[in-house]
Amino acid sequence: MSSPSERRLKILIVDDSKTIVAVIKNILQKDYDTCSAENGLVAIESFMNEKPDLILMDVEMPEMNGFEACKKIKALDTENNGFTPIIFITGKGDLESMKIGLKSGAEDYLAKPFEPEELLARVQAVLRTKKLYSELMDAYAFIEREQDIIASIQQSLLCHQLPDIPGFRFFADYQPSSKASGDYYDFIRIDDEHLGILVADVSGHGSPAAVIMAMMRVVLRSFLSTTRSPKEVLEKINQSLCDNQKSGHFITAFYGVVHLPTRRMKYVSAGHNPPLLIDYESGHVQELNTAKGFPLMIHCDNDLEEKEVELPLNSKLICYTDGLTEARGIDQEMYGLERLRQNAQEMGKSMNAEKLGQELKINVQTYLNGYDFIDDFTLVVLETTESKASTK
């Protein structure tokens, strides 16, 4: 069974000379369908109605010249994400006119008189470019659909239900710089008395980082969700990823396990930004640093330091990824850890975890003053309150 023939391409001929239009139609009629317009204004209307694959345009015409018509057609094309090539065919063969024509958006410029073979060669070359453009747009559309799927899967893997625990309040927000990202946060209810809090950042952006993040989540949730030692958790995740992933990426991560009755938290950091622990009663602010610990996936043998701290009553633990502190404003200065510390300390006195998290987001966006985030960012806030869980 023979395949159906390909659609014949349509070429719009724009010239106020009926003789020239007839000559060009005669040259093209074997391989292409044609339509015509007698000036620039009619050409714009014909472009919208006929939707040609290529336009051959004269320059000097009544009502509107070819240069102006070209600019308007290209603007309409851009609005619709299209690409309709234009070749000027004109008696104005001087260099200056050629420069004006190409600057107006045309793909080629052919001076009259011309040989039929040269016209056909120019037409074929420009249409090959259009075909490549269409194939590229199809490829972009396919990638876009794939990224939508990956982003949807990634969103489904995030923790959407914040813990409901007496004596604690929570806030979490995740903002990817593209559809998919490598940032990750999670709350793991290990048992009745222990809650795990993880914030991680895979190097890079987009789909590869999102896939690695998903692998980390699977390892944590499937095999380590009942492990109380944060050191053991991150070291085992590191070993598993090193054994199964050779992408060249790495992951910074902070993982803390809170003993809920006593509010004591054991924690480790694998090269991650130090969370801030703010005691609003004393005004003390502590950065939760550790002395050793490489990011994950750099060395298979990654000996992490586990430390312990008490979360005082009326305190807030603020965890974040570097996309927040490295956000740059109009003067290209970073938002920075010190600005985050000051704002969290001042605003957090009278705000609960949810309100503080929202206000910090607004503060960073105001600082950007319309600029976009250049990196993914995640913000997690844990607040301790008076009605703490009973000690067993």
Protein backbone atom coordinates (compact mmCIF):
# COMPACT_ATOMS: atom_id res chain seq x y z
CA MET A 1 0.00 0.00 0.00
CA SER A 2 1.53 3.27 -1.07
CA SER A 3 1.77 6.13 1.39
CA PRO A 4 -0.24 9.28 0.61
CA SER A 5 1.68 12.04 -1.13
CA GLU A 6 3.00 14.92 0.95
CA ARG A 7 1.07 18.18 1.03
CA ARG A 8 2.17 20.60 -1.67
CA LEU A 9 3.73 23.67 -0.09
CA LYS A 10 2.08 27.03 -0.75
CA ILE A 11 4.04 30.15 -1.75
CA LEU A 12 2.63 33.68 -1.56
CA ILE A 13 3.92 35.99 -4.34
CA VAL A 14 3.70 39.69 -3.51
CA ASP A 15 4.32 42.10 -6.41
CA ASP A 16 2.37 44.95 -7.99
CA SER A 17 3.43 43.74 -11.45
CA LYS A 18 1.03 41.11 -12.84
CA THR A 19 3.73 40.13 -15.35
CA ILE A 20 6.27 39.35 -12.61
CA VAL A 21 3.65 37.40 -10.66
CA ALA A 22 2.82 35.36 -13.78
CA VAL A 23 6.53 34.65 -14.48
CA ILE A 24 7.18 33.45 -10.92
CA LYS A 25 4.02 31.31 -10.86
CA ASN A 26 5.14 29.66 -14.09
CA ILE A 27 8.54 28.82 -12.55
CA LEU A 28 7.00 27.39 -9.36
CA GLN A 29 3.84 25.69 -10.60
CA LYS A 30 5.39 22.25 -11.12
CA ASP A 31 6.36 21.80 -7.45
CA TYR A 32 4.36 24.34 -5.46
CA ASP A 33 0.90 25.85 -5.06
CA THR A 34 0.85 29.65 -5.31
CA CYS A 35 -1.30 32.63 -4.38
CA SER A 36 -0.62 36.33 -4.88
CA ALA A 37 -1.04 39.83 -3.46
CA GLU A 38 -0.48 43.17 -5.17
CA ASN A 39 0.95 45.18 -2.23
CA GLY A 40 2.12 44.98 1.36
CA LEU A 41 -1.29 45.56 2.95
CA VAL A 42 -2.94 42.82 0.91
CA ALA A 43 0.06 40.59 1.64
CA ILE A 44 -0.59 40.81 5.38
CA GLU A 45 -4.22 39.83 4.88
CA SER A 46 -3.24 36.99 2.54
CA PHE A 47 -0.64 35.78 5.05
CA MET A 48 -3.30 35.47 7.75
CA ASN A 49 -5.89 33.83 5.48
CA GLU A 50 -3.78 31.63 3.22
CA LYS A 51 -1.11 30.64 5.76
CA PRO A 52 1.64 30.22 3.14
CA ASP A 53 4.82 28.26 3.74
CA LEU A 54 6.98 30.91 2.05
CA ILE A 55 6.58 34.50 0.85
CA LEU A 56 8.32 36.01 -2.19
CA MET A 57 8.05 39.79 -1.79
CA ASP A 58 8.82 42.84 -3.91
CA VAL A 59 10.08 45.98 -2.15
CA GLU A 60 8.63 48.96 -4.02
CA MET A 61 4.82 48.67 -3.99
CA PRO A 62 1.87 51.04 -3.43
CA GLU A 63 0.00 51.22 -0.09
CA MET A 64 2.81 49.54 1.87
CA ASN A 65 6.33 48.65 0.76
CA GLY A 66 7.90 45.22 1.23
CA PHE A 67 10.15 46.19 4.13
CA GLU A 68 7.21 47.35 6.28
CA ALA A 69 5.07 44.37 5.29
CA CYS A 70 7.92 42.02 6.20
CA LYS A 71 8.25 43.52 9.69
CA LYS A 72 4.51 43.22 10.36
CA ILE A 73 4.30 39.64 9.07
CA LYS A 74 7.30 38.61 11.16
CA ALA A 75 5.71 40.19 14.24
CA LEU A 76 2.50 38.23 13.64
CA ASP A 77 4.55 35.08 13.14
CA THR A 78 6.33 35.60 16.45
CA GLU A 79 3.06 36.06 18.30
CA ASN A 80 1.93 32.66 17.03
CA ASN A 81 5.29 30.91 17.46
CA GLY A 82 5.48 30.42 13.71
CA PHE A 83 8.19 30.69 11.12
CA THR A 84 7.26 31.84 7.63
CA PRO A 85 10.41 32.62 5.62
CA ILE A 86 10.45 35.66 3.32
CA ILE A 87 12.62 36.20 0.25
CA PHE A 88 12.76 39.66 -1.26
CA ILE A 89 12.74 39.66 -5.07
CA THR A 90 13.33 43.23 -6.17
CA GLY A 91 15.01 45.52 -8.64
CA LYS A 92 16.66 47.32 -5.67
CA GLY A 93 19.85 45.27 -5.77
CA ASP A 94 22.15 47.74 -3.99
CA LEU A 95 23.95 46.73 -0.81
CA GLU A 96 22.10 49.22 1.41
CA SER A 97 18.68 47.94 0.31
CA MET A 98 19.82 44.38 0.88
CA LYS A 99 20.93 45.26 4.44
CA ILE A 100 17.58 46.94 5.16
CA GLY A 101 15.73 43.92 3.80
CA LEU A 102 17.62 41.42 5.93
CA LYS A 103 17.28 43.61 9.03
CA SER A 104 13.52 43.74 8.51
CA GLY A 105 13.47 39.97 9.02
CA ALA A 106 13.79 38.44 5.55
CA GLU A 107 15.74 35.18 5.15
CA ASP A 108 17.10 35.96 1.66
CA TYR A 109 17.34 38.70 -0.95
CA LEU A 110 17.29 38.14 -4.72
CA ALA A 111 17.79 40.96 -7.24
CA LYS A 112 15.89 41.24 -10.52
CA PRO A 113 16.44 40.09 -13.18
CA PHE A 114 17.04 36.53 -11.94
CA GLU A 115 17.50 33.11 -13.49
CA PRO A 116 14.68 30.59 -12.88
CA GLU A 117 17.20 28.03 -11.62
CA GLU A 118 18.54 30.50 -9.05
CA LEU A 119 15.03 31.33 -7.80
CA LEU A 120 14.21 27.63 -7.39
CA ALA A 121 17.48 27.01 -5.58
CA ARG A 122 16.82 29.90 -3.16
CA VAL A 123 13.26 28.70 -2.54
CA GLN A 124 14.38 25.13 -1.87
CA ALA A 125 17.13 26.26 0.52
CA VAL A 126 14.80 28.45 2.57
CA LEU A 127 12.14 25.75 2.70
CA ARG A 128 14.73 23.28 3.99
CA THR A 129 15.40 25.75 6.81
CA LYS A 130 11.67 25.94 7.52
CA LYS A 131 11.46 22.13 7.63
CA LEU A 132 14.33 21.99 10.13
CA TYR A 133 12.63 24.68 12.22
CA SER A 134 9.40 22.66 12.28
CA GLU A 135 11.28 19.52 13.32
CA LEU A 136 13.03 21.47 16.07
CA MET A 137 9.71 22.85 17.35
CA ASP A 138 8.28 19.31 17.39
CA ALA A 139 11.29 18.16 19.40
CA TYR A 140 10.87 21.04 21.84
CA ALA A 141 7.18 20.20 22.23
CA PHE A 142 8.05 16.57 22.96
CA ILE A 143 10.62 17.61 25.58
CA GLU A 144 8.07 20.00 27.08
CA ARG A 145 5.55 17.19 27.43
CA GLU A 146 8.17 14.94 29.01
CA GLN A 147 9.13 17.67 31.47
CA ASP A 148 5.46 18.15 32.38
CA ILE A 149 5.24 14.45 33.21
CA ILE A 150 8.45 14.51 35.27
CA ALA A 151 7.31 17.64 37.12
CA SER A 152 3.96 15.99 37.88
CA ILE A 153 5.67 12.87 39.22
CA GLN A 154 8.04 14.96 41.30
CA GLN A 155 5.21 16.98 42.80
CA SER A 156 3.45 13.76 43.77
CA LEU A 157 6.57 12.62 45.64
CA LEU A 158 6.76 15.70 47.85
CA CYS A 159 5.23 15.73 51.31
CA HIS A 160 1.94 17.60 50.85
CA GLN A 161 0.42 16.82 54.23
CA LEU A 162 2.29 18.64 57.00
CA PRO A 163 2.56 16.79 60.33
CA ASP A 164 -0.17 17.39 62.91
CA ILE A 165 1.66 17.06 66.23
CA PRO A 166 0.71 18.76 69.52
CA GLY A 167 3.36 21.25 70.57
CA PHE A 168 4.66 21.83 67.04
CA ARG A 169 3.69 23.82 63.97
CA PHE A 170 5.11 23.46 60.47
CA PHE A 171 5.53 25.31 57.19
CA ALA A 172 7.05 24.03 53.95
CA ASP A 173 7.33 25.53 50.48
CA TYR A 174 9.12 24.43 47.34
CA GLN A 175 9.66 26.65 44.29
CA PRO A 176 11.37 25.13 41.22
CA SER A 177 13.22 27.48 38.85
CA SER A 178 12.08 25.22 35.99
CA LYS A 179 9.33 22.63 35.68
CA ALA A 180 11.33 19.99 37.53
CA SER A 181 14.07 20.51 40.07
CA GLY A 182 16.46 18.85 42.47
CA ASP A 183 15.18 20.39 45.71
CA TYR A 184 13.48 18.06 48.15
CA TYR A 185 11.93 18.26 51.61
CA ASP A 186 10.23 15.59 53.65
CA PHE A 187 8.74 14.86 57.06
CA ILE A 188 9.11 11.23 58.16
CA ARG A 189 7.05 10.04 61.12
CA ILE A 190 9.47 7.37 62.36
CA ASP A 191 7.32 6.32 65.32
CA ASP A 192 5.06 7.94 67.91
CA GLU A 193 7.96 9.82 69.53
CA HIS A 194 10.27 10.64 66.61
CA LEU A 195 9.90 12.88 63.56
CA GLY A 196 12.47 13.17 60.79
CA ILE A 197 12.95 16.46 58.89
CA LEU A 198 14.90 16.42 55.64
CA VAL A 199 15.89 19.25 53.31
CA ALA A 200 18.09 18.39 50.32
CA ASP A 201 19.38 19.98 47.14
CA VAL A 202 20.63 18.05 44.10
CA SER A 203 23.22 19.93 42.05
CA GLY A 204 21.96 21.27 38.74
CA HIS A 205 18.39 21.77 37.58
CA GLY A 206 15.72 20.13 35.50
CA SER A 207 14.98 16.49 34.79
CA PRO A 208 18.32 14.85 35.76
CA ALA A 209 18.27 16.50 39.20
CA ALA A 210 14.60 15.55 39.64
CA VAL A 211 15.32 11.89 38.86
CA ILE A 212 18.12 11.75 41.45
CA MET A 213 15.86 13.44 43.99
CA ALA A 214 13.23 10.77 43.33
CA MET A 215 15.83 8.03 43.89
CA MET A 216 16.79 9.60 47.23
CA ARG A 217 13.16 9.73 48.28
CA VAL A 218 12.61 6.07 47.40
CA VAL A 219 15.65 4.94 49.40
CA LEU A 220 14.62 7.02 52.40
CA ARG A 221 10.95 6.09 52.41
CA SER A 222 11.35 2.43 51.48
CA PHE A 223 14.34 1.31 53.53
CA LEU A 224 15.22 3.92 56.14
CA SER A 225 11.90 5.36 57.29
CA THR A 226 12.11 3.67 60.73
CA THR A 227 15.79 4.49 61.39
CA ARG A 228 16.22 6.97 64.24
CA SER A 229 19.86 7.88 63.63
CA PRO A 230 20.17 10.72 61.07
CA LYS A 231 23.85 9.82 60.60
CA GLU A 232 22.96 6.25 59.66
CA VAL A 233 20.22 7.42 57.30
CA LEU A 234 22.34 9.81 55.23
CA GLU A 235 25.36 7.50 55.18
CA LYS A 236 23.23 4.63 53.84
CA ILE A 237 21.54 6.89 51.29
CA ASN A 238 24.98 8.03 50.18
CA GLN A 239 26.22 4.47 49.79
CA SER A 240 23.15 3.43 47.83
CA LEU A 241 23.33 6.38 45.45
CA CYS A 242 27.09 5.97 44.93
CA ASP A 243 26.53 2.31 44.03
CA ASN A 244 23.72 3.02 41.57
CA GLN A 245 24.21 6.50 40.15
CA LYS A 246 27.26 7.79 38.23
CA SER A 247 25.85 11.01 36.82
CA GLY A 248 28.40 13.41 38.30
CA HIS A 249 25.75 15.14 40.40
CA PHE A 250 25.95 15.56 44.16
CA ILE A 251 23.42 16.26 46.93
CA THR A 252 23.66 18.57 49.91
CA ALA A 253 21.32 17.52 52.70
CA PHE A 254 20.32 18.34 56.26
CA TYR A 255 18.50 15.68 58.23
CA GLY A 256 17.27 16.04 61.78
CA VAL A 257 15.34 13.60 63.96
CA VAL A 258 13.30 15.24 66.74
CA HIS A 259 12.44 13.33 69.91
CA LEU A 260 9.01 14.90 70.32
CA PRO A 261 8.50 14.51 74.09
CA THR A 262 11.80 16.23 74.95
CA ARG A 263 12.15 18.42 71.83
CA ARG A 264 15.74 17.23 71.46
CA MET A 265 16.94 16.86 67.87
CA LYS A 266 19.85 14.82 66.55
CA TYR A 267 21.04 16.08 63.20
CA VAL A 268 23.65 15.72 60.46
CA SER A 269 24.59 17.87 57.50
CA ALA A 270 26.06 16.64 54.24
CA GLY A 271 27.55 19.93 53.06
CA HIS A 272 24.20 21.69 53.37
CA ASN A 273 23.46 25.30 54.31
CA PRO A 274 23.22 25.50 58.13
CA PRO A 275 19.63 25.80 59.40
CA LEU A 276 18.87 28.60 61.85
CA LEU A 277 17.50 27.82 65.30
CA ILE A 278 15.97 30.98 66.79
CA ASP A 279 15.03 31.12 70.49
CA TYR A 280 12.58 34.02 70.69
CA GLU A 281 12.63 34.08 74.51
CA SER A 282 16.39 34.73 74.78
CA GLY A 283 16.93 36.19 71.31
CA HIS A 284 19.69 33.64 70.69
CA VAL A 285 20.24 32.50 67.09
CA GLN A 286 22.23 29.34 66.43
CA GLU A 287 23.53 28.04 63.11
CA LEU A 288 23.37 24.24 63.09
CA ASN A 289 26.78 23.52 61.62
CA THR A 290 28.70 20.26 61.72
CA ALA A 291 32.47 19.83 61.58
CA LYS A 292 32.56 17.20 58.84
CA GLY A 293 30.44 15.75 56.10
CA PHE A 294 30.82 15.95 52.33
CA PRO A 295 27.80 16.30 50.05
CA LEU A 296 26.32 12.94 49.12
CA MET A 297 27.48 11.08 45.97
CA ILE A 298 31.02 12.53 46.11
CA HIS A 299 32.68 9.80 48.21
CA CYS A 300 31.17 6.39 48.93
CA ASP A 301 32.76 6.48 52.38
CA ASN A 302 31.25 9.68 53.79
CA ASP A 303 31.67 9.84 57.57
CA LEU A 304 29.13 12.36 58.85
CA GLU A 305 29.13 14.03 62.27
CA GLU A 306 25.95 13.63 64.30
CA LYS A 307 25.15 16.38 66.81
CA GLU A 308 22.28 17.05 69.19
CA VAL A 309 20.44 20.23 70.18
CA GLU A 310 17.36 21.12 72.20
CA LEU A 311 14.58 23.03 70.47
CA PRO A 312 13.48 25.52 73.16
CA LEU A 313 9.86 26.44 73.69
CA ASN A 314 8.80 29.35 71.48
CA SER A 315 11.62 28.68 69.02
CA LYS A 316 11.69 28.19 65.27
CA LEU A 317 13.97 25.99 63.19
CA ILE A 318 14.44 27.41 59.69
CA CYS A 319 15.79 25.08 57.00
CA TYR A 320 16.36 26.21 53.43
CA THR A 321 18.27 25.54 50.23
CA ASP A 322 20.80 27.92 48.70
CA GLY A 323 18.39 29.06 45.99
CA LEU A 324 16.85 31.29 48.66
CA THR A 325 20.00 32.86 50.15
CA GLU A 326 21.69 33.16 46.73
CA ALA A 327 18.76 34.96 45.11
CA ARG A 328 20.09 38.17 43.54
CA GLY A 329 18.36 41.52 43.43
CA ILE A 330 18.63 44.37 40.95
CA ASP A 331 22.17 45.21 42.14
CA GLN A 332 23.19 41.53 41.79
CA GLU A 333 23.85 41.31 45.53
CA MET A 334 22.72 38.04 47.09
CA TYR A 335 19.85 37.95 49.59
CA GLY A 336 22.26 36.19 51.93
CA LEU A 337 22.14 34.30 55.21
CA GLU A 338 22.47 37.43 57.35
CA ARG A 339 19.40 39.03 55.77
CA LEU A 340 17.47 35.79 56.27
CA ARG A 341 18.59 35.68 59.92
CA GLN A 342 17.57 39.28 60.64
CA ASN A 343 14.17 39.01 58.95
CA ALA A 344 13.36 35.66 60.56
CA GLN A 345 14.40 36.96 63.98
CA GLU A 346 12.39 40.18 63.70
CA MET A 347 9.25 38.87 61.99
CA GLY A 348 9.12 35.53 63.77
CA LYS A 349 8.48 37.06 67.22
CA SER A 350 4.82 37.67 66.44
CA MET A 351 4.20 35.11 63.69
CA ASN A 352 3.54 31.39 63.71
CA ALA A 353 5.41 29.03 61.39
CA GLU A 354 2.95 29.37 58.50
CA LYS A 355 2.83 33.17 58.62
CA LEU A 356 6.60 33.51 58.99
CA GLY A 357 7.22 31.19 56.05
CA GLN A 358 4.85 33.15 53.83
CA GLU A 359 6.32 36.51 54.90
CA LEU A 360 9.89 35.33 54.26
CA LYS A 361 8.87 34.26 50.76
CA ILE A 362 7.31 37.67 50.11
CA ASN A 363 10.40 39.37 51.51
CA VAL A 364 12.71 37.51 49.14
CA GLN A 365 10.45 38.19 46.15
CA THR A 366 10.35 41.89 47.07
CA TYR A 367 14.13 41.88 47.28
CA LEU A 368 14.34 40.40 43.77
CA ASN A 369 12.26 43.36 42.53
CA GLY A 370 10.88 41.49 39.52
CA TYR A 371 13.97 39.39 38.80
CA ASP A 372 13.51 35.62 38.57
CA PHE A 373 14.98 33.05 40.91
CA ILE A 374 18.03 31.54 39.19
CA ASP A 375 17.86 28.37 41.28
CA ASP A 376 15.26 26.16 42.92
CA PHE A 377 14.54 27.02 46.53
CA THR A 378 12.92 25.28 49.47
CA LEU A 379 11.95 26.73 52.84
CA VAL A 380 10.90 24.66 55.86
CA VAL A 381 9.97 26.10 59.27
CA LEU A 382 9.40 24.08 62.46
CA GLU A 383 7.94 25.92 65.45
CA THR A 384 7.72 24.72 69.06
CA THR A 385 4.74 25.84 71.13
CA GLU A 386 3.61 25.68 74.75
CA SER A 387 1.27 22.71 74.35
CA LYS A 388 4.03 20.19 73.81
CA ALA A 389 3.51 16.45 73.73
CA SER A 390 3.60 14.72 77.10
CA THR A 391 6.86 13.09 78.19
CA LYS A 392 6.81 9.35 78.53
